[in-house]
Protein backbone atom coordinates (compact mmCIF):
# COMPACT_ATOMS: atom_id res chain seq x y z
CA MET A 1 0.00 0.00 0.00
CA GLY A 2 2.83 2.36 0.68
CA LEU A 3 3.04 5.74 2.31
CA LEU A 4 -0.28 7.09 0.98
CA GLY A 5 -2.12 3.98 2.16
CA ASP A 6 -0.59 4.28 5.64
CA MET A 7 -1.54 7.97 5.79
CA ALA A 8 -5.11 7.14 4.74
CA LYS A 9 -5.36 4.46 7.44
CA ALA A 10 -4.02 6.87 10.07
CA ALA A 11 -6.46 9.59 9.00
CA ALA A 12 -9.35 7.13 9.10
CA LYS A 13 -8.33 5.99 12.58
CA VAL A 14 -8.26 9.60 13.83
CA ALA A 15 -11.68 10.30 12.29
CA ILE A 16 -13.18 7.16 13.85
CA ASN A 17 -11.76 8.10 17.28
CA GLN A 18 -13.20 11.62 17.00
CA VAL A 19 -16.63 10.29 16.04
CA SER A 20 -16.46 7.74 18.85
CA ASN A 21 -15.50 10.40 21.42
CA THR A 22 -18.26 12.73 20.19
CA ALA A 23 -20.82 9.91 20.35
CA HIS A 24 -19.70 9.01 23.89
CA GLU A 25 -19.97 12.67 24.91
CA LYS A 26 -23.51 12.93 23.47
CA VAL A 27 -24.63 9.74 25.26
CA SER A 28 -23.13 11.06 28.53
CA GLU A 29 -25.09 14.28 28.10
CA MET A 30 -28.37 12.39 27.59
CA PHE A 31 -27.84 9.70 30.24
CA PRO A 32 -25.66 10.94 33.09
CA THR A 33 -24.01 8.18 35.06
CA LYS A 34 -22.50 10.29 37.85
CA GLU A 35 -23.84 13.00 40.12
CA ILE A 36 -22.11 15.99 41.65
CA VAL A 37 -23.66 18.37 44.17
CA LEU A 38 -22.01 21.77 44.29
CA SER A 39 -22.40 22.80 47.90
CA GLY A 40 -20.51 25.25 50.06
CA SER A 41 -20.59 28.58 51.88
CA HIS A 42 -20.38 30.97 48.90
CA GLU A 43 -23.81 32.53 48.27
CA ARG A 44 -24.84 33.51 44.75
CA ASP A 45 -28.21 34.80 43.52
CA VAL A 46 -30.65 32.54 41.74
CA TYR A 47 -33.16 34.38 39.56
CA THR A 48 -36.52 32.81 40.32
CA TYR A 49 -39.04 32.96 37.45
CA TYR A 50 -41.62 30.46 38.71
CA GLY A 51 -42.55 30.00 42.35
CA GLY A 52 -44.78 26.96 41.85
CA PRO A 53 -42.11 24.22 41.88
CA LEU A 54 -40.78 25.63 45.19
CA LYS A 55 -44.10 26.08 47.01
CA GLY A 56 -43.21 23.49 49.68
CA ILE A 57 -39.79 25.02 50.43
CA ARG A 58 -39.88 27.10 53.62
CA VAL A 59 -37.74 30.13 54.47
CA GLY A 60 -34.39 28.91 55.77
CA GLN A 61 -34.73 25.49 54.14
CA THR A 62 -32.00 24.14 51.85
CA PHE A 63 -32.60 21.90 48.85
CA ASP A 64 -30.74 20.57 45.84
CA ALA A 65 -31.72 22.01 42.46
CA GLU A 66 -30.76 20.12 39.33
CA VAL A 67 -29.15 21.96 36.45
CA ALA A 68 -31.17 21.53 33.26
CA ARG A 69 -29.18 19.60 30.67
CA LYS A 70 -30.69 21.54 27.76
CA PRO A 71 -31.43 25.26 27.23
CA VAL A 72 -34.70 26.49 28.72
CA THR A 73 -36.79 29.58 28.03
CA LEU A 74 -38.15 30.95 31.30
CA VAL A 75 -41.00 33.44 31.50
CA SER A 76 -41.30 35.56 34.64
CA GLU A 77 -44.57 35.08 36.53
CA LEU A 78 -44.33 38.71 37.67
CA THR A 79 -43.34 40.61 34.53
CA GLY A 80 -43.84 38.23 31.60
CA THR A 81 -40.20 38.78 30.60
CA GLU A 82 -38.63 35.88 28.69
CA TRP A 83 -35.14 34.61 29.42
CA ASN A 84 -33.50 32.02 27.20
CA THR A 85 -30.59 30.34 28.94
CA ALA A 86 -28.92 29.43 25.62
CA GLU A 87 -28.82 33.06 24.51
CA HIS A 88 -27.56 34.40 27.83
CA GLY A 89 -25.01 31.72 28.74
CA ASN A 90 -26.45 30.66 32.06
CA ASN A 91 -28.12 27.53 33.39
CA ALA A 92 -31.74 26.78 34.24
CA LEU A 93 -32.36 25.20 37.64
CA MET A 94 -35.09 22.64 38.30
CA TYR A 95 -36.77 21.29 41.39
CA SER A 96 -38.71 18.03 41.14
CA GLY A 97 -38.05 18.10 37.39
CA LYS A 98 -39.67 21.52 36.89
CA PRO A 99 -37.65 24.63 35.96
CA PHE A 100 -37.96 27.53 38.38
CA GLY A 101 -35.05 29.89 37.72
CA SER A 102 -31.62 30.58 36.32
CA PHE A 103 -28.11 30.62 37.73
CA SER A 104 -25.12 32.21 36.00
CA PRO A 105 -21.95 31.67 38.11
CA MET A 106 -19.62 29.00 36.70
CA SER A 107 -21.88 28.39 33.68
CA LYS A 108 -19.10 27.18 31.38
CA SER A 109 -17.71 24.89 34.08
CA ILE A 110 -21.15 23.44 34.79
CA ARG A 111 -21.71 22.75 31.09
CA LYS A 112 -18.30 21.05 30.99
CA MET A 113 -19.38 18.79 33.91
CA ILE A 114 -22.54 17.89 32.00
CA ARG A 115 -20.45 16.96 28.94
CA MET A 116 -18.31 14.81 31.25
CA GLY A 117 -21.46 12.83 32.07
CA TYR A 118 -22.39 14.41 35.40
CA ARG A 119 -25.87 15.13 36.65
CA VAL A 120 -25.12 18.48 38.30
CA LYS A 121 -27.01 19.74 41.32
CA ILE A 122 -26.64 23.04 43.15
CA ARG A 123 -27.35 23.37 46.87
CA CYS A 124 -29.87 26.21 47.28
CA LYS A 125 -31.57 27.98 50.16
CA ASN A 126 -34.80 29.93 50.47
CA VAL A 127 -33.81 33.17 52.22
CA GLY A 128 -37.14 34.99 52.04
CA TRP A 129 -39.76 36.23 49.62
CA TYR A 130 -39.05 38.31 46.53
CA ALA A 131 -42.79 38.73 45.93
CA GLN A 132 -45.91 36.82 46.91
CA GLY A 133 -45.45 33.24 45.74
CA ILE A 134 -41.90 33.92 44.48
CA PRO A 135 -39.20 32.85 46.95
CA GLU A 136 -35.82 34.55 47.10
CA ILE A 137 -33.29 31.80 46.46
CA VAL A 138 -29.52 31.78 46.84
CA ALA A 139 -27.14 29.09 45.65
CA MET A 140 -24.77 27.81 48.35
CA ILE A 141 -21.77 26.82 46.22
CA PRO A 142 -18.16 25.88 46.97
CA ASP A 143 -15.36 28.30 46.27
CA PRO A 144 -15.45 28.61 42.44
CA GLU A 145 -11.64 28.37 42.36
CA ALA A 146 -11.88 24.86 43.86
CA VAL A 147 -14.25 23.85 41.04
CA PHE A 148 -11.98 25.38 38.37
CA SER A 149 -8.93 23.62 39.87
CA TRP A 150 -10.76 20.28 39.92
CA LEU A 151 -11.76 20.60 36.26
CA ASP A 152 -8.20 21.63 35.33
CA GLU A 153 -6.84 18.58 37.19
CA CYS A 154 -9.29 16.28 35.35
CA GLU A 155 -8.15 17.73 32.01
CA ARG A 156 -4.44 17.65 32.93
CA SER A 157 -4.51 14.04 34.12
CA GLY A 158 -6.83 12.84 31.37
CA GLU A 159 -9.05 11.15 33.94
CA GLU A 160 -11.64 12.16 36.45
CA VAL A 161 -10.38 12.74 39.94
CA PRO A 162 -12.64 12.94 43.00
CA PHE A 163 -14.06 16.40 43.63
CA ASN A 164 -13.09 17.90 46.96
CA ALA A 165 -14.24 21.48 47.55
CA ASN A 166 -11.63 21.83 50.30
CA SER A 167 -8.63 21.10 48.10
């Protein structure tokens, strides 16, 4: 076959590996096999659009909100304003499978975790009432630098290492 044949085989092998990796990534996005809960003492605002999914959450209570795996368009119950998470680069949060708001800190890192096959949850807390029926929610996340360092270590080592917010 010669040099051209060997080059064609090598190119085909690279293409097959890329397709295989992309397919694995897509399957991981659809069917997460691992879960990570981002929880810590750093408070960040959650913009609550719908109060209904959170109606059983009392002031002072914490809960885990799941990050939506796909973009969501939220419409404010109070103002009717639309917010599309794909256009604005943030993540929709869900409780009991129903979207209630959006969260912007660490958006790129969270999307990277989803591509890695994680079901990502954010520890949240009801800190009061924004308006009648609309709770004021904050995310209780770890130090963002710890999350960035963990993702960098996973990329550097080429494998997933355990997440430790205290490292």
